[in-house]
C-alpha atoms as a PDB file:
ATOM      1  CA  MET A   1     130.672  93.600 100.840  1.00  0.00           C
ATOM      2  CA  ASN A   2     130.963  90.490 102.950  1.00  0.00           C
ATOM      3  CA  ILE A   3     129.190  87.177 102.371  1.00  0.00           C
ATOM      4  CA  THR A   4     126.635  87.818 105.137  1.00  0.00           C
ATOM      5  CA  ARG A   5     125.533  91.105 103.586  1.00  0.00           C
ATOM      6  CA  ILE A   6     125.291  89.510 100.162  1.00  0.00           C
ATOM      7  CA  GLY A   7     123.090  86.793 101.648  1.00  0.00           C
ATOM      8  CA  ILE A   8     120.830  89.334 103.339  1.00  0.00           C
ATOM      9  CA  VAL A   9     120.487  91.455 100.206  1.00  0.00           C
ATOM     10  CA  THR A  10     119.744  88.338  98.134  1.00  0.00           C
ATOM     11  CA  ALA A  11     117.126  87.112 100.613  1.00  0.00           C
ATOM     12  CA  VAL A  12     115.401  90.500 100.725  1.00  0.00           C
ATOM     13  CA  GLY A  13     115.406  90.691  96.928  1.00  0.00           C
ATOM     14  CA  ALA A  14     113.973  87.204  96.605  1.00  0.00           C
ATOM     15  CA  ALA A  15     111.211  88.010  99.081  1.00  0.00           C
ATOM     16  CA  ALA A  16     110.326  91.136  97.149  1.00  0.00           C
ATOM     17  CA  VAL A  17     110.091  89.235  93.876  1.00  0.00           C
ATOM     18  CA  ALA A  18     107.893  86.672  95.576  1.00  0.00           C
ATOM     19  CA  ILE A  19     105.387  89.372  96.535  1.00  0.00           C
ATOM     20  CA  GLY A  20     105.555  90.961  93.100  1.00  0.00           C
ATOM     21  CA  ALA A  21     107.566  94.065  93.994  1.00  0.00           C
ATOM     22  CA  GLY A  22     111.157  95.000  93.224  1.00  0.00           C
ATOM     23  CA  ILE A  23     113.494  96.126  95.960  1.00  0.00           C
ATOM     24  CA  ALA A  24     116.722  97.807  94.932  1.00  0.00           C
ATOM     25  CA  THR A  25     119.780  97.883  97.122  1.00  0.00           C
ATOM     26  CA  ALA A  26     118.564 100.171  99.862  1.00  0.00           C
ATOM     27  CA  GLN A  27     120.835 103.134 100.347  1.00  0.00           C
ATOM     28  CA  PRO A  28     120.052 106.503 101.850  1.00  0.00           C
ATOM     29  CA  ASP A  29     119.098 108.915  99.082  1.00  0.00           C
ATOM     30  CA  ASP A  30     120.989 111.915 100.451  1.00  0.00           C
ATOM     31  CA  GLY A  31     124.256 110.247 101.459  1.00  0.00           C
ATOM     32  CA  GLU A  32     123.855 111.338 105.097  1.00  0.00           C
ATOM     33  CA  GLY A  33     121.403 108.897 106.684  1.00  0.00           C
ATOM     34  CA  THR A  34     121.634 105.320 107.829  1.00  0.00           C
ATOM     35  CA  PRO A  35     119.942 102.791 105.539  1.00  0.00           C
ATOM     36  CA  ILE A  36     117.268 100.468 106.904  1.00  0.00           C
ATOM     37  CA  THR A  37     118.521  96.888 107.208  1.00  0.00           C
ATOM     38  CA  GLY A  38     117.337  93.382 108.046  1.00  0.00           C
ATOM     39  CA  GLU A  39     113.730  92.593 108.901  1.00  0.00           C
ATOM     40  CA  ALA A  40     112.937  96.304 109.286  1.00  0.00           C
ATOM     41  CA  LEU A  41     113.932  96.817 105.626  1.00  0.00           C
ATOM     42  CA  THR A  42     111.552  94.089 104.514  1.00  0.00           C
ATOM     43  CA  LYS A  43     108.648  95.433 106.599  1.00  0.00           C
ATOM     44  CA  ALA A  44     109.247  99.072 105.679  1.00  0.00           C
ATOM     45  CA  SER A  45     109.560  98.223 101.981  1.00  0.00           C
ATOM     46  CA  GLN A  46     106.359  96.172 102.022  1.00  0.00           C
ATOM     47  CA  ALA A  47     104.453  98.971 103.794  1.00  0.00           C
ATOM     48  CA  ALA A  48     105.743 101.626 101.401  1.00  0.00           C
ATOM     49  CA  LEU A  49     104.990  99.557  98.287  1.00  0.00           C
ATOM     50  CA  ALA A  50     101.501  98.778  99.594  1.00  0.00           C
ATOM     51  CA  PHE A  51     100.912 102.514 100.063  1.00  0.00           C
ATOM     52  CA  THR A  52     102.206 103.465  96.598  1.00  0.00           C
ATOM     53  CA  GLY A  53     100.578 100.516  94.854  1.00  0.00           C
ATOM     54  CA  GLY A  54     103.902  99.274  93.454  1.00  0.00           C
ATOM     55  CA  GLY A  55     107.160 100.663  92.206  1.00  0.00           C
ATOM     56  CA  THR A  56     110.760 100.063  93.242  1.00  0.00           C
ATOM     57  CA  VAL A  57     112.389 100.946  96.542  1.00  0.00           C
ATOM     58  CA  THR A  58     115.306 103.194  95.595  1.00  0.00           C
ATOM     59  CA  GLY A  59     116.389 104.513  98.992  1.00  0.00           C
ATOM     60  CA  THR A  60     115.799 104.087 102.710  1.00  0.00           C
ATOM     61  CA  GLU A  61     116.737 105.868 105.897  1.00  0.00           C
ATOM     62  CA  VAL A  62     116.397 105.189 109.626  1.00  0.00           C
ATOM     63  CA  GLY A  63     115.884 108.183 111.882  1.00  0.00           C
ATOM     64  CA  ASP A  64     114.767 110.578 109.182  1.00  0.00           C
ATOM     65  CA  GLU A  65     113.857 114.031 110.492  1.00  0.00           C
ATOM     66  CA  GLU A  66     110.170 113.408 109.714  1.00  0.00           C
ATOM     67  CA  SER A  67     109.740 109.818 110.945  1.00  0.00           C
ATOM     68  CA  LEU A  68     111.563 106.740 112.173  1.00  0.00           C
ATOM     69  CA  TYR A  69     111.684 105.187 108.709  1.00  0.00           C
ATOM     70  CA  GLU A  70     111.721 106.834 105.284  1.00  0.00           C
ATOM     71  CA  VAL A  71     111.368 104.726 102.151  1.00  0.00           C
ATOM     72  CA  GLU A  72     111.822 106.287  98.716  1.00  0.00           C
ATOM     73  CA  VAL A  73     109.771 104.532  96.027  1.00  0.00           C
ATOM     74  CA  THR A  74     110.241 105.243  92.325  1.00  0.00           C
ATOM     75  CA  LEU A  75     107.104 104.579  90.314  1.00  0.00           C
ATOM     76  CA  ALA A  76     106.857 103.391  86.708  1.00  0.00           C
ATOM     77  CA  ASP A  77     106.263 106.958  85.468  1.00  0.00           C
ATOM     78  CA  GLY A  78     109.544 108.096  87.063  1.00  0.00           C
ATOM     79  CA  SER A  79     107.940 109.986  89.945  1.00  0.00           C
ATOM     80  CA  GLN A  80     109.309 109.401  93.431  1.00  0.00           C
ATOM     81  CA  THR A  81     107.364 109.111  96.660  1.00  0.00           C
ATOM     82  CA  ASP A  82     109.032 109.442 100.050  1.00  0.00           C
ATOM     83  CA  VAL A  83     106.959 107.332 102.434  1.00  0.00           C
ATOM     84  CA  GLN A  84     107.306 108.156 106.144  1.00  0.00           C
ATOM     85  CA  LEU A  85     106.647 105.309 108.600  1.00  0.00           C
ATOM     86  CA  ASP A  86     106.564 105.066 112.400  1.00  0.00           C
ATOM     87  CA  GLU A  87     108.135 102.337 114.559  1.00  0.00           C
ATOM     88  CA  ASN A  88     105.198 100.022 113.746  1.00  0.00           C
ATOM     89  CA  PHE A  89     105.589 100.603 109.983  1.00  0.00           C
ATOM     90  CA  VAL A  90     102.392 102.666 109.910  1.00  0.00           C
ATOM     91  CA  LEU A  91     102.194 105.558 107.449  1.00  0.00           C
ATOM     92  CA  VAL A  92     102.713 108.976 109.038  1.00  0.00           C
ATOM     93  CA  GLY A  93     103.201 110.991 105.855  1.00  0.00           C
ATOM     94  CA  SER A  94     104.360 111.041 102.259  1.00  0.00           C
ATOM     95  CA  LYS A  95     105.622 113.385  99.585  1.00  0.00           C
ATOM     96  CA  THR A  96     105.613 112.759  95.837  1.00  0.00           C
ATOM     97  CA  ASP A  97     107.850 114.488  93.319  1.00  0.00           C
ATOM     98  CA  GLY A  98     107.199 114.273  89.593  1.00  0.00           C
ATOM     99  CA  PRO A  99     109.595 112.615  87.160  1.00  0.00           C
ATOM    100  CA  GLY A 100     113.004 114.326  87.064  1.00  0.00           C
ATOM    101  CA  THR A 101     112.369 116.559  90.083  1.00  0.00           C
ATOM    102  CA  ASP A 102     114.640 114.843  92.631  1.00  0.00           C
ATOM    103  CA  THR A 103     116.064 117.701  94.714  1.00  0.00           C
ATOM    104  CA  GLU A 104     118.454 115.637  96.837  1.00  0.00           C
ATOM    105  CA  PRO A 105     122.118 116.731  96.753  1.00  0.00           C
ATOM    106  CA  ASP A 106     123.149 113.640  94.770  1.00  0.00           C
ATOM    107  CA  ALA A 107     120.432 114.072  92.144  1.00  0.00           C
ATOM    108  CA  PRO A 108     121.551 114.508  88.540  1.00  0.00           C
ATOM    109  CA  GLY A 109     122.020 118.183  87.777  1.00  0.00           C
ATOM    110  CA  ASN A 110     122.424 119.216  91.435  1.00  0.00           C
END
């Protein structure tokens, strides 16, 4: 990871703490998509966390089959919500899985 990426990740993390929400290193949750980066990551994360009422961003993807942006949020109870956003970071759909029900190929037990 180069210095520029470290700086971007640190800045995004600091901004998230400042608004009271945690943002994990954003990686696609299925190993096939492209993660959201830069200002789009900040905006998408904020929109997703506002929709879920909190939690931690645990995965992101640009160009998901259901929307332009997909943000995976893990809530305190362990459930995960995939938040689908359009190009203006407006909610277009969501799906919530209970704790321990991640069905992605990289999920434990899959």
